[in-house]
Amino acid sequence: VPIPLIANDYNWYKMGVDITDHYWSYYFTQVKCFQNWSLIFYWLLNTTIINAYNLS
């Protein structure tokens, strides 16, 4: 039975999200803070680290 194209695309791109979530758990740099700017800073830092690792 052939797989529908949309289901195949979903599974293909979901794999990348799962890998990114897996790396996110290893490189979690956020500390407990209550300022909005620091939450954004740590989110950007985590995203930058993971994207740099994925590109290397």
Protein backbone atom coordinates (compact mmCIF):
# COMPACT_ATOMS: atom_id res chain seq x y z
CA VAL A 1 0.00 0.00 0.00
CA PRO A 2 1.62 3.30 -1.03
CA ILE A 3 2.03 6.01 1.58
CA PRO A 4 0.20 9.29 0.86
CA LEU A 5 2.61 12.08 -0.05
CA ILE A 6 1.44 14.39 2.74
CA ALA A 7 1.99 11.68 5.38
CA ASN A 8 5.44 10.95 4.01
CA ASP A 9 6.38 14.66 4.06
CA TYR A 10 5.09 15.05 7.62
CA ASN A 11 7.14 12.11 8.86
CA TRP A 12 10.25 13.32 7.02
CA TYR A 13 10.16 16.85 8.48
CA LYS A 14 9.01 15.73 11.93
CA MET A 15 12.24 13.74 12.22
CA GLY A 16 14.21 17.01 12.11
CA VAL A 17 12.08 18.44 14.91
CA ASP A 18 12.67 15.35 17.04
CA ILE A 19 16.43 15.59 16.54
CA THR A 20 16.40 19.28 17.46
CA ASP A 21 14.37 18.55 20.61
CA HIS A 22 16.85 15.82 21.50
CA TYR A 23 19.81 18.22 21.19
CA TRP A 24 17.87 20.89 23.09
CA SER A 25 17.73 18.60 26.13
CA TYR A 26 21.54 18.29 26.11
CA TYR A 27 22.36 21.99 25.68
CA PHE A 28 19.84 23.55 28.03
CA THR A 29 21.41 26.79 29.32
CA GLN A 30 18.41 28.53 30.84
CA VAL A 31 18.58 29.48 34.49
CA LYS A 32 15.66 30.41 36.70
CA CYS A 33 14.87 34.05 36.00
CA PHE A 34 11.91 36.35 36.07
CA GLN A 35 12.81 39.02 33.51
CA ASN A 36 11.36 38.65 30.04
CA TRP A 37 14.52 39.82 28.30
CA SER A 38 16.63 37.12 29.95
CA LEU A 39 14.18 34.40 28.92
CA ILE A 40 14.43 35.59 25.33
CA PHE A 41 18.22 35.78 25.59
CA TYR A 42 18.56 32.19 26.84
CA TRP A 43 16.09 30.92 24.23
CA LEU A 44 18.15 32.60 21.49
CA LEU A 45 21.36 31.21 22.99
CA ASN A 46 19.97 27.67 23.04
CA THR A 47 18.65 27.97 19.50
CA THR A 48 21.97 29.36 18.24
CA ILE A 49 23.98 26.54 19.84
CA ILE A 50 21.73 23.84 18.41
CA ASN A 51 21.61 25.38 14.94
CA ALA A 52 25.40 25.75 14.88
CA TYR A 53 25.78 22.12 15.89
CA ASN A 54 23.32 20.99 13.20
CA LEU A 55 25.20 22.97 10.54
CA SER A 56 28.60 21.57 11.50
